C-alpha atoms as a PDB file:
ATOM      1  CA  MET A   1     126.715 123.850 108.122  1.00  0.00           C
ATOM      2  CA  LYS A   2     128.563 121.290 110.198  1.00  0.00           C
ATOM      3  CA  ARG A   3     127.532 121.889 113.800  1.00  0.00           C
ATOM      4  CA  THR A   4     128.898 118.711 115.383  1.00  0.00           C
ATOM      5  CA  PRO A   5     132.579 119.829 115.711  1.00  0.00           C
ATOM      6  CA  VAL A   6     131.480 123.110 117.269  1.00  0.00           C
ATOM      7  CA  LEU A   7     129.205 121.361 119.757  1.00  0.00           C
ATOM      8  CA  LEU A   8     131.974 118.945 120.673  1.00  0.00           C
ATOM      9  CA  VAL A   9     134.376 121.810 121.396  1.00  0.00           C
ATOM     10  CA  VAL A  10     131.785 123.557 123.559  1.00  0.00           C
ATOM     11  CA  THR A  11     131.143 120.308 125.461  1.00  0.00           C
ATOM     12  CA  VAL A  12     134.833 119.807 126.198  1.00  0.00           C
ATOM     13  CA  LEU A  13     135.180 123.390 127.401  1.00  0.00           C
ATOM     14  CA  LEU A  14     132.170 123.064 129.698  1.00  0.00           C
ATOM     15  CA  PHE A  15     133.488 119.910 131.325  1.00  0.00           C
ATOM     16  CA  ALA A  16     137.031 121.250 131.512  1.00  0.00           C
ATOM     17  CA  SER A  17     135.812 124.148 133.635  1.00  0.00           C
ATOM     18  CA  SER A  18     134.215 121.785 136.166  1.00  0.00           C
ATOM     19  CA  LEU A  19     137.125 119.361 136.253  1.00  0.00           C
ATOM     20  CA  GLY A  20     139.874 121.931 136.623  1.00  0.00           C
ATOM     21  CA  SER A  21     138.225 124.565 138.806  1.00  0.00           C
ATOM     22  CA  ALA A  22     139.083 125.336 142.393  1.00  0.00           C
ATOM     23  CA  ASN A  23     137.024 124.003 145.289  1.00  0.00           C
ATOM     24  CA  PRO A  24     136.131 126.931 147.557  1.00  0.00           C
ATOM     25  CA  SER A  25     133.493 124.769 149.235  1.00  0.00           C
ATOM     26  CA  GLY A  26     136.087 122.128 150.147  1.00  0.00           C
ATOM     27  CA  VAL A  27     136.903 118.704 148.807  1.00  0.00           C
ATOM     28  CA  GLY A  28     136.053 116.619 151.873  1.00  0.00           C
ATOM     29  CA  GLN A  29     138.337 114.284 153.785  1.00  0.00           C
ATOM     30  CA  GLY A  30     140.966 112.500 151.765  1.00  0.00           C
ATOM     31  CA  THR A  31     144.597 111.526 151.354  1.00  0.00           C
ATOM     32  CA  PHE A  32     146.458 114.549 150.005  1.00  0.00           C
ATOM     33  CA  ASP A  33     150.028 115.810 149.757  1.00  0.00           C
ATOM     34  CA  ALA A  34     150.993 119.269 150.992  1.00  0.00           C
ATOM     35  CA  GLN A  35     150.802 120.516 147.384  1.00  0.00           C
ATOM     36  CA  CYS A  36     147.020 120.441 147.753  1.00  0.00           C
ATOM     37  CA  GLY A  37     147.410 123.232 150.310  1.00  0.00           C
ATOM     38  CA  GLY A  38     147.224 125.584 147.362  1.00  0.00           C
ATOM     39  CA  ALA A  39     146.213 123.452 144.418  1.00  0.00           C
ATOM     40  CA  CYS A  40     142.816 122.647 145.938  1.00  0.00           C
ATOM     41  CA  HIS A  41     142.021 126.359 145.752  1.00  0.00           C
ATOM     42  CA  GLY A  42     143.948 127.232 142.603  1.00  0.00           C
ATOM     43  CA  ASP A  43     147.626 127.674 141.767  1.00  0.00           C
ATOM     44  CA  ALA A  44     149.767 126.538 144.712  1.00  0.00           C
ATOM     45  CA  ASP A  45     152.476 129.044 143.771  1.00  0.00           C
ATOM     46  CA  MET A  46     150.108 131.933 144.462  1.00  0.00           C
ATOM     47  CA  ASN A  47     149.452 131.111 148.131  1.00  0.00           C
ATOM     48  CA  ARG A  48     149.602 133.731 150.817  1.00  0.00           C
ATOM     49  CA  SER A  49     150.901 132.983 154.315  1.00  0.00           C
ATOM     50  CA  SER A  50     148.245 132.309 156.933  1.00  0.00           C
ATOM     51  CA  ALA A  51     148.513 134.200 160.219  1.00  0.00           C
ATOM     52  CA  SER A  52     147.353 131.116 162.134  1.00  0.00           C
ATOM     53  CA  THR A  53     149.807 129.125 164.253  1.00  0.00           C
ATOM     54  CA  VAL A  54     150.093 125.380 163.626  1.00  0.00           C
ATOM     55  CA  VAL A  55     151.644 123.057 166.221  1.00  0.00           C
ATOM     56  CA  VAL A  56     151.955 119.280 165.909  1.00  0.00           C
ATOM     57  CA  GLU A  57     152.416 117.202 169.076  1.00  0.00           C
ATOM     58  CA  ALA A  58     153.293 113.531 169.427  1.00  0.00           C
ATOM     59  CA  PRO A  59     154.936 111.245 172.003  1.00  0.00           C
ATOM     60  CA  THR A  60     158.698 111.197 171.792  1.00  0.00           C
ATOM     61  CA  THR A  61     158.701 107.369 171.714  1.00  0.00           C
ATOM     62  CA  ALA A  62     156.393 104.825 170.097  1.00  0.00           C
ATOM     63  CA  TYR A  63     156.527 101.070 169.631  1.00  0.00           C
ATOM     64  CA  GLU A  64     156.927  99.629 166.150  1.00  0.00           C
ATOM     65  CA  GLY A  65     153.602  98.495 164.699  1.00  0.00           C
ATOM     66  CA  LEU A  66     151.536  99.751 167.665  1.00  0.00           C
ATOM     67  CA  PRO A  67     149.045 102.642 167.766  1.00  0.00           C
ATOM     68  CA  THR A  68     150.074 106.075 168.953  1.00  0.00           C
ATOM     69  CA  SER A  69     148.285 109.426 169.042  1.00  0.00           C
ATOM     70  CA  VAL A  70     149.289 112.637 167.249  1.00  0.00           C
ATOM     71  CA  SER A  71     147.495 115.976 167.570  1.00  0.00           C
ATOM     72  CA  VAL A  72     147.566 119.186 165.543  1.00  0.00           C
ATOM     73  CA  THR A  73     146.500 122.431 167.227  1.00  0.00           C
ATOM     74  CA  ILE A  74     145.634 125.507 165.185  1.00  0.00           C
ATOM     75  CA  SER A  75     145.444 128.809 167.073  1.00  0.00           C
ATOM     76  CA  ASP A  76     144.695 132.392 166.022  1.00  0.00           C
ATOM     77  CA  ILE A  77     142.418 130.860 163.417  1.00  0.00           C
ATOM     78  CA  GLU A  78     141.543 132.827 160.318  1.00  0.00           C
ATOM     79  CA  THR A  79     139.151 131.430 157.764  1.00  0.00           C
ATOM     80  CA  THR A  80     136.191 132.240 155.533  1.00  0.00           C
ATOM     81  CA  VAL A  81     132.667 133.256 156.511  1.00  0.00           C
ATOM     82  CA  SER A  82     131.676 129.584 156.271  1.00  0.00           C
ATOM     83  CA  GLY A  83     134.433 128.689 158.769  1.00  0.00           C
ATOM     84  CA  LEU A  84     135.915 125.992 156.527  1.00  0.00           C
ATOM     85  CA  LEU A  85     139.512 125.060 157.375  1.00  0.00           C
ATOM     86  CA  GLY A  86     141.594 122.233 155.876  1.00  0.00           C
ATOM     87  CA  VAL A  87     144.146 120.458 158.098  1.00  0.00           C
ATOM     88  CA  PHE A  88     146.940 118.138 156.891  1.00  0.00           C
ATOM     89  CA  LEU A  89     149.101 115.644 158.784  1.00  0.00           C
ATOM     90  CA  LEU A  90     152.313 115.116 156.785  1.00  0.00           C
ATOM     91  CA  SER A  91     155.589 113.211 156.930  1.00  0.00           C
ATOM     92  CA  ASP A  92     157.561 116.093 155.342  1.00  0.00           C
ATOM     93  CA  MET A  93     156.956 119.349 153.479  1.00  0.00           C
ATOM     94  CA  THR A  94     158.261 118.531 150.006  1.00  0.00           C
ATOM     95  CA  GLY A  95     154.823 118.897 148.455  1.00  0.00           C
ATOM     96  CA  ALA A  96     154.703 115.410 146.930  1.00  0.00           C
ATOM     97  CA  GLY A  97     154.943 111.931 148.410  1.00  0.00           C
ATOM     98  CA  ASP A  98     154.694 113.414 151.876  1.00  0.00           C
ATOM     99  CA  THR A  99     151.639 111.767 153.421  1.00  0.00           C
ATOM    100  CA  PRO A 100     152.180 109.723 156.617  1.00  0.00           C
ATOM    101  CA  ALA A 101     151.658 106.560 154.573  1.00  0.00           C
ATOM    102  CA  ASP A 102     154.624 107.525 152.384  1.00  0.00           C
ATOM    103  CA  ALA A 103     156.812 107.274 155.507  1.00  0.00           C
ATOM    104  CA  GLY A 104     155.306 103.989 156.693  1.00  0.00           C
ATOM    105  CA  TRP A 105     152.645 105.285 159.083  1.00  0.00           C
ATOM    106  CA  ASP A 106     149.195 103.707 158.966  1.00  0.00           C
ATOM    107  CA  ILE A 107     146.322 106.029 159.945  1.00  0.00           C
ATOM    108  CA  LEU A 108     143.738 104.097 161.955  1.00  0.00           C
ATOM    109  CA  SER A 109     141.350 106.952 162.731  1.00  0.00           C
ATOM    110  CA  ASN A 110     141.091 110.697 163.181  1.00  0.00           C
ATOM    111  CA  SER A 111     138.947 112.818 165.461  1.00  0.00           C
ATOM    112  CA  GLU A 112     136.731 113.887 162.554  1.00  0.00           C
ATOM    113  CA  GLY A 113     135.478 110.356 161.915  1.00  0.00           C
ATOM    114  CA  GLY A 114     137.741 109.118 159.137  1.00  0.00           C
ATOM    115  CA  ASP A 115     141.112 107.510 158.469  1.00  0.00           C
ATOM    116  CA  GLU A 116     142.700 110.049 156.095  1.00  0.00           C
ATOM    117  CA  ASN A 117     145.563 112.494 156.621  1.00  0.00           C
ATOM    118  CA  TYR A 118     143.504 115.495 155.436  1.00  0.00           C
ATOM    119  CA  VAL A 119     140.348 116.676 157.199  1.00  0.00           C
ATOM    120  CA  GLU A 120     138.093 119.676 156.793  1.00  0.00           C
ATOM    121  CA  ILE A 121     136.681 121.272 159.913  1.00  0.00           C
ATOM    122  CA  THR A 122     134.117 124.012 160.364  1.00  0.00           C
ATOM    123  CA  VAL A 123     135.206 126.671 162.825  1.00  0.00           C
ATOM    124  CA  ALA A 124     132.421 128.386 164.764  1.00  0.00           C
ATOM    125  CA  PRO A 125     132.297 132.212 164.824  1.00  0.00           C
ATOM    126  CA  GLY A 126     134.606 133.515 167.547  1.00  0.00           C
ATOM    127  CA  GLU A 127     136.472 130.190 167.868  1.00  0.00           C
ATOM    128  CA  THR A 128     140.200 130.868 167.775  1.00  0.00           C
ATOM    129  CA  GLU A 129     141.694 127.436 168.511  1.00  0.00           C
ATOM    130  CA  ARG A 130     140.973 123.880 167.431  1.00  0.00           C
ATOM    131  CA  THR A 131     142.768 120.552 167.848  1.00  0.00           C
ATOM    132  CA  VAL A 132     142.520 117.603 165.456  1.00  0.00           C
ATOM    133  CA  THR A 133     143.815 114.206 166.581  1.00  0.00           C
ATOM    134  CA  TRP A 134     145.021 111.207 164.570  1.00  0.00           C
ATOM    135  CA  THR A 135     145.656 107.665 165.795  1.00  0.00           C
ATOM    136  CA  LEU A 136     148.396 105.992 163.752  1.00  0.00           C
ATOM    137  CA  ARG A 137     150.189 102.661 163.690  1.00  0.00           C
ATOM    138  CA  ALA A 138     153.913 103.356 164.015  1.00  0.00           C
ATOM    139  CA  PRO A 139     156.301 102.471 161.162  1.00  0.00           C
ATOM    140  CA  SER A 140     159.659 100.667 161.391  1.00  0.00           C
ATOM    141  CA  THR A 141     162.217 101.611 164.016  1.00  0.00           C
ATOM    142  CA  GLY A 142     164.047 104.923 163.716  1.00  0.00           C
ATOM    143  CA  ASP A 143     163.327 108.643 164.006  1.00  0.00           C
ATOM    144  CA  HIS A 144     160.240 109.765 162.109  1.00  0.00           C
ATOM    145  CA  PRO A 145     159.233 113.462 161.832  1.00  0.00           C
ATOM    146  CA  LEU A 146     155.615 114.514 161.466  1.00  0.00           C
ATOM    147  CA  HIS A 147     154.532 117.916 160.157  1.00  0.00           C
ATOM    148  CA  ALA A 148     151.186 119.665 159.897  1.00  0.00           C
ATOM    149  CA  ALA A 149     149.726 122.245 157.546  1.00  0.00           C
ATOM    150  CA  ILE A 150     146.490 124.141 156.968  1.00  0.00           C
ATOM    151  CA  HIS A 151     144.821 125.966 154.120  1.00  0.00           C
ATOM    152  CA  HIS A 152     141.777 128.190 153.851  1.00  0.00           C
ATOM    153  CA  GLY A 153     140.241 130.681 151.481  1.00  0.00           C
ATOM    154  CA  THR A 154     139.269 134.317 151.816  1.00  0.00           C
ATOM    155  CA  GLU A 155     135.915 135.753 152.811  1.00  0.00           C
ATOM    156  CA  SER A 156     135.148 136.809 149.241  1.00  0.00           C
ATOM    157  CA  GLY A 157     136.656 133.700 147.670  1.00  0.00           C
ATOM    158  CA  GLU A 158     138.175 135.851 144.925  1.00  0.00           C
ATOM    159  CA  GLU A 159     141.750 136.236 146.138  1.00  0.00           C
ATOM    160  CA  ALA A 160     144.648 133.817 146.541  1.00  0.00           C
ATOM    161  CA  PRO A 161     144.225 131.233 149.330  1.00  0.00           C
ATOM    162  CA  PHE A 162     146.171 131.117 152.567  1.00  0.00           C
ATOM    163  CA  PHE A 163     148.575 128.339 153.537  1.00  0.00           C
ATOM    164  CA  GLY A 164     150.295 127.709 156.880  1.00  0.00           C
ATOM    165  CA  ALA A 165     152.520 124.995 158.315  1.00  0.00           C
ATOM    166  CA  SER A 166     154.115 123.926 161.584  1.00  0.00           C
ATOM    167  CA  VAL A 167     157.474 125.582 162.236  1.00  0.00           C
ATOM    168  CA  GLN A 168     158.958 122.508 163.920  1.00  0.00           C
ATOM    169  CA  PRO A 169     158.039 118.870 163.286  1.00  0.00           C
ATOM    170  CA  ALA A 170     157.254 116.404 166.033  1.00  0.00           C
ATOM    171  CA  VAL A 171     159.973 113.739 165.912  1.00  0.00           C
ATOM    172  CA  VAL A 172     158.902 110.288 167.091  1.00  0.00           C
ATOM    173  CA  GLU A 173     161.518 107.677 167.938  1.00  0.00           C
ATOM    174  CA  VAL A 174     160.059 104.298 167.015  1.00  0.00           C
ATOM    175  CA  VAL A 175     161.577 101.443 169.019  1.00  0.00           C
ATOM    176  CA  ALA A 176     161.240  97.658 168.982  1.00  0.00           C
ATOM    177  CA  VAL A 177     158.420  96.082 171.003  1.00  0.00           C
ATOM    178  CA  PRO A 178     159.466  94.289 174.235  1.00  0.00           C
ATOM    179  CA  GLU A 179     158.682  90.595 174.052  1.00  0.00           C
ATOM    180  CA  ASN A 180     156.145  90.461 176.908  1.00  0.00           C
ATOM    181  CA  LEU A 181     154.481  93.842 176.333  1.00  0.00           C
ATOM    182  CA  PRO A 182     150.639  93.605 176.388  1.00  0.00           C
ATOM    183  CA  ARG A 183     149.530  94.992 173.047  1.00  0.00           C
ATOM    184  CA  LEU A 184     147.069  94.938 170.204  1.00  0.00           C
ATOM    185  CA  SER A 185     147.747  92.603 167.324  1.00  0.00           C
ATOM    186  CA  PRO A 186     149.609  94.322 164.439  1.00  0.00           C
ATOM    187  CA  SER A 187     146.704  93.330 162.180  1.00  0.00           C
ATOM    188  CA  PHE A 188     144.023  95.061 164.268  1.00  0.00           C
ATOM    189  CA  SER A 189     142.210  97.860 162.437  1.00  0.00           C
ATOM    190  CA  PRO A 190     139.277  99.580 164.190  1.00  0.00           C
ATOM    191  CA  PRO A 191     136.113 100.634 162.346  1.00  0.00           C
ATOM    192  CA  VAL A 192     135.797 104.404 161.861  1.00  0.00           C
ATOM    193  CA  SER A 193     132.133 104.808 160.857  1.00  0.00           C
ATOM    194  CA  ARG A 194     128.698 103.257 161.205  1.00  0.00           C
ATOM    195  CA  ASP A 195     125.067 104.158 160.560  1.00  0.00           C
ATOM    196  CA  VAL A 196     122.928 105.983 163.096  1.00  0.00           C
ATOM    197  CA  GLY A 197     121.033 103.485 165.263  1.00  0.00           C
ATOM    198  CA  GLU A 198     123.557 100.715 164.652  1.00  0.00           C
ATOM    199  CA  ALA A 199     125.177  99.041 167.660  1.00  0.00           C
ATOM    200  CA  SER A 200     128.755  97.822 167.267  1.00  0.00           C
ATOM    201  CA  THR A 201     130.339  94.596 168.413  1.00  0.00           C
ATOM    202  CA  LEU A 202     134.108  94.882 168.205  1.00  0.00           C
ATOM    203  CA  ARG A 203     136.725  92.158 168.392  1.00  0.00           C
ATOM    204  CA  LEU A 204     140.168  92.866 169.791  1.00  0.00           C
ATOM    205  CA  ASP A 205     143.012  90.601 168.754  1.00  0.00           C
ATOM    206  CA  THR A 206     145.909  90.992 171.168  1.00  0.00           C
ATOM    207  CA  VAL A 207     149.374  89.710 172.047  1.00  0.00           C
ATOM    208  CA  SER A 208     150.540  88.821 175.579  1.00  0.00           C
ATOM    209  CA  VAL A 209     147.301  90.149 177.100  1.00  0.00           C
ATOM    210  CA  GLN A 210     145.581  88.542 180.090  1.00  0.00           C
ATOM    211  CA  SER A 211     142.917  91.148 180.850  1.00  0.00           C
ATOM    212  CA  VAL A 212     141.155  93.941 178.966  1.00  0.00           C
ATOM    213  CA  GLU A 213     139.126  96.920 180.162  1.00  0.00           C
ATOM    214  CA  VAL A 214     137.387  99.133 177.600  1.00  0.00           C
ATOM    215  CA  GLU A 215     136.219 102.719 178.105  1.00  0.00           C
ATOM    216  CA  TRP A 216     134.116 104.895 175.806  1.00  0.00           C
ATOM    217  CA  ARG A 217     132.860 108.453 175.740  1.00  0.00           C
ATOM    218  CA  LEU A 218     131.057 110.917 173.552  1.00  0.00           C
ATOM    219  CA  VAL A 219     133.138 113.961 172.693  1.00  0.00           C
ATOM    220  CA  GLY A 220     133.060 116.213 175.738  1.00  0.00           C
ATOM    221  CA  GLY A 221     131.117 113.646 177.792  1.00  0.00           C
ATOM    222  CA  PRO A 222     131.926 111.415 180.780  1.00  0.00           C
ATOM    223  CA  ILE A 223     133.910 108.175 180.477  1.00  0.00           C
ATOM    224  CA  ASN A 224     131.949 104.901 180.628  1.00  0.00           C
ATOM    225  CA  THR A 225     133.115 101.286 180.859  1.00  0.00           C
ATOM    226  CA  VAL A 226     131.753  98.253 179.022  1.00  0.00           C
ATOM    227  CA  MET A 227     131.861  94.527 179.711  1.00  0.00           C
ATOM    228  CA  VAL A 228     134.572  92.664 177.800  1.00  0.00           C
ATOM    229  CA  SER A 229     134.284  88.948 177.019  1.00  0.00           C
ATOM    230  CA  SER A 230     137.006  86.484 176.124  1.00  0.00           C
ATOM    231  CA  ALA A 231     136.707  85.092 172.589  1.00  0.00           C
ATOM    232  CA  GLY A 232     139.580  82.622 172.833  1.00  0.00           C
ATOM    233  CA  ALA A 233     143.324  82.957 173.215  1.00  0.00           C
ATOM    234  CA  ASP A 234     144.315  86.614 172.873  1.00  0.00           C
ATOM    235  CA  ALA A 235     140.889  87.566 171.495  1.00  0.00           C
ATOM    236  CA  TRP A 236     138.222  89.718 173.158  1.00  0.00           C
ATOM    237  CA  THR A 237     134.826  91.151 172.225  1.00  0.00           C
ATOM    238  CA  PHE A 238     132.773  94.059 173.538  1.00  0.00           C
ATOM    239  CA  ASP A 239     129.737  96.116 172.522  1.00  0.00           C
ATOM    240  CA  LEU A 240     129.558  99.855 171.951  1.00  0.00           C
ATOM    241  CA  PRO A 241     126.095 101.484 172.258  1.00  0.00           C
ATOM    242  CA  SER A 242     124.245 102.814 169.252  1.00  0.00           C
ATOM    243  CA  SER A 243     123.624 106.499 168.628  1.00  0.00           C
ATOM    244  CA  LEU A 244     120.193 107.929 167.795  1.00  0.00           C
ATOM    245  CA  GLN A 245     121.690 110.849 165.891  1.00  0.00           C
ATOM    246  CA  PRO A 246     125.002 111.687 164.175  1.00  0.00           C
ATOM    247  CA  ALA A 247     127.669 111.684 166.877  1.00  0.00           C
ATOM    248  CA  THR A 248     131.326 110.908 167.491  1.00  0.00           C
ATOM    249  CA  LEU A 249     132.130 108.148 169.969  1.00  0.00           C
ATOM    250  CA  GLU A 250     135.658 107.512 171.232  1.00  0.00           C
ATOM    251  CA  TRP A 251     136.930 104.357 172.901  1.00  0.00           C
ATOM    252  CA  ARG A 252     140.175 102.937 174.266  1.00  0.00           C
ATOM    253  CA  ALA A 253     141.409  99.737 175.918  1.00  0.00           C
ATOM    254  CA  HIS A 254     143.559  99.075 178.983  1.00  0.00           C
ATOM    255  CA  LEU A 255     145.637  95.936 178.357  1.00  0.00           C
ATOM    256  CA  GLY A 256     147.068  93.903 181.236  1.00  0.00           C
ATOM    257  CA  GLY A 257     149.605  91.075 181.189  1.00  0.00           C
ATOM    258  CA  GLU A 258     153.016  90.043 182.477  1.00  0.00           C
ATOM    259  CA  GLY A 259     154.619  93.213 181.153  1.00  0.00           C
ATOM    260  CA  PRO A 260     153.634  96.759 182.157  1.00  0.00           C
ATOM    261  CA  GLN A 261     149.981  97.666 181.540  1.00  0.00           C
ATOM    262  CA  GLN A 262     149.374  99.498 178.283  1.00  0.00           C
ATOM    263  CA  THR A 263     146.593 101.906 177.347  1.00  0.00           C
ATOM    264  CA  THR A 264     145.708 102.367 173.689  1.00  0.00           C
ATOM    265  CA  PRO A 265     145.038 105.821 172.219  1.00  0.00           C
ATOM    266  CA  TRP A 266     141.429 106.910 171.806  1.00  0.00           C
ATOM    267  CA  PHE A 267     139.896 105.439 168.653  1.00  0.00           C
ATOM    268  CA  THR A 268     137.108 107.400 166.929  1.00  0.00           C
ATOM    269  CA  LEU A 269     133.842 105.860 165.709  1.00  0.00           C
ATOM    270  CA  GLN A 270     131.538 108.212 163.795  1.00  0.00           C
ATOM    271  CA  SER A 271     127.777 107.589 163.582  1.00  0.00           C
ATOM    272  CA  GLU A 272     126.290 109.027 160.396  1.00  0.00           C
ATOM    273  CA  GLU A 273     123.006 109.020 158.529  1.00  0.00           C
ATOM    274  CA  PRO A 274     123.039 106.555 155.605  1.00  0.00           C
ATOM    275  CA  SER A 275     123.980 108.445 152.465  1.00  0.00           C
ATOM    276  CA  TRP A 276     124.120 107.812 148.764  1.00  0.00           C
ATOM    277  CA  GLU A 277     127.576 107.540 147.272  1.00  0.00           C
ATOM    278  CA  VAL A 278     128.012 109.130 143.858  1.00  0.00           C
ATOM    279  CA  ASP A 279     130.704 107.959 141.451  1.00  0.00           C
ATOM    280  CA  GLU A 280     131.839 111.187 139.760  1.00  0.00           C
ATOM    281  CA  THR A 281     133.177 109.350 136.700  1.00  0.00           C
ATOM    282  CA  VAL A 282     129.843 107.635 136.135  1.00  0.00           C
ATOM    283  CA  ALA A 283     128.036 110.947 136.591  1.00  0.00           C
ATOM    284  CA  TYR A 284     130.231 112.635 133.972  1.00  0.00           C
ATOM    285  CA  VAL A 285     129.740 109.767 131.505  1.00  0.00           C
ATOM    286  CA  GLN A 286     125.967 109.890 131.995  1.00  0.00           C
ATOM    287  CA  SER A 287     125.980 113.670 131.502  1.00  0.00           C
ATOM    288  CA  ILE A 288     127.960 113.367 128.259  1.00  0.00           C
ATOM    289  CA  THR A 289     125.608 110.626 127.044  1.00  0.00           C
ATOM    290  CA  LEU A 290     122.542 112.762 127.741  1.00  0.00           C
ATOM    291  CA  LEU A 291     124.187 115.698 125.974  1.00  0.00           C
ATOM    292  CA  PHE A 292     124.831 113.633 122.841  1.00  0.00           C
ATOM    293  CA  VAL A 293     121.251 112.301 122.918  1.00  0.00           C
ATOM    294  CA  PHE A 294     120.012 115.879 123.056  1.00  0.00           C
ATOM    295  CA  MET A 295     122.330 116.891 120.204  1.00  0.00           C
ATOM    296  CA  VAL A 296     121.128 114.026 117.981  1.00  0.00           C
ATOM    297  CA  ALA A 297     117.479 114.790 118.758  1.00  0.00           C
ATOM    298  CA  PHE A 298     117.992 118.496 118.063  1.00  0.00           C
ATOM    299  CA  MET A 299     119.715 117.923 114.717  1.00  0.00           C
ATOM    300  CA  SER A 300     117.088 115.352 113.673  1.00  0.00           C
ATOM    301  CA  LEU A 301     114.309 117.794 114.496  1.00  0.00           C
ATOM    302  CA  HIS A 302     116.093 120.559 112.608  1.00  0.00           C
ATOM    303  CA  ARG A 303     116.394 118.440 109.465  1.00  0.00           C
ATOM    304  CA  LYS A 304     112.699 117.479 109.586  1.00  0.00           C
ATOM    305  CA  THR A 305     111.558 121.076 109.971  1.00  0.00           C
ATOM    306  CA  ALA A 306     114.031 122.656 107.502  1.00  0.00           C
ATOM    307  CA  THR A 307     112.473 124.556 104.552  1.00  0.00           C
ATOM    308  CA  PRO A 308     113.494 123.789 100.926  1.00  0.00           C
ATOM    309  CA  ASP A 309     115.518 126.999 100.850  1.00  0.00           C
ATOM    310  CA  ASP A 310     117.390 125.916 104.016  1.00  0.00           C
ATOM    311  CA  GLU A 311     118.209 122.546 102.460  1.00  0.00           C
ATOM    312  CA  LYS A 312     119.566 124.230  99.329  1.00  0.00           C
ATOM    313  CA  TYR A 313     121.651 126.564 101.497  1.00  0.00           C
ATOM    314  CA  ASP A 314     123.084 123.638 103.509  1.00  0.00           C
ATOM    315  CA  ALA A 315     123.886 121.723 100.318  1.00  0.00           C
ATOM    316  CA  PHE A 316     125.603 124.769  98.839  1.00  0.00           C
ATOM    317  CA  GLU A 317     127.796 125.156 101.959  1.00  0.00           C
ATOM    318  CA  GLU A 318     128.929 121.527 101.792  1.00  0.00           C
ATOM    319  CA  VAL A 319     130.152 121.726  98.161  1.00  0.00           C
ATOM    320  CA  GLU A 320     133.903 121.172  97.965  1.00  0.00           C
ATOM    321  CA  TYR A 321     135.928 123.438  95.659  1.00  0.00           C
END
């Protein structure tokens, strides 16, 4: 009896179930289109409307290539027993090609300690409102709308997921930068994470800046200032304190020069315990390899322990008519 084809079919079916299944426990932060608002939990066409209200807020004007802050507030929150809620920042609601990056925005950080347009938050029991903030580098000049969306499952996890979106977008008019405006260099990109216990020395590259003052705070804590040192023409360095446990630190800079003083948005720096990163593709390949090793060992053992009658029966089955 030829068992190999049957075993191969079973293997494919087992892996297909893990690769194509929904993710009721979340997928983690990432860059996702609005289509994932349903597809991450199953068929996007089977979504139900969430009763939560989603509002996206942004400044009406931003300078081309400079950071600006955008916030998404979710109220009347409904979610699962675990409190897991996914939040998207989007450039439109087409369902594909609608991330901020698709419209030219560059996400520098978000309030959850990453630099992606999709975050997953855990809502505490009784909490009915939450705000998530993104800091983005503005795209080219013109009017740029920003939308927001959420998705969450049900308490049982057995029914269709819920999806909600902002009714009105926040429209940001991006204008050209005045020549003498104190500002960060267009190439500046802040770090978003570090290990617990690690102090951070940051370098600010600027344009038309003569003085810099930096403030930092822990979420919900008081504002502190740090000493800033010149590192050459339009370059500055400063130190941010280490954290003894996982925590979110926010910092911003006040930039002075010939033009009007500018204050950057709050940038987020997340302190986390060192963790192992697992490559899912490698894990699947290793699992398949181990499965085949087991199959070969099993069939070899079966042949060695087969009785004479079994061998005759196998030979009879393999005769071609």
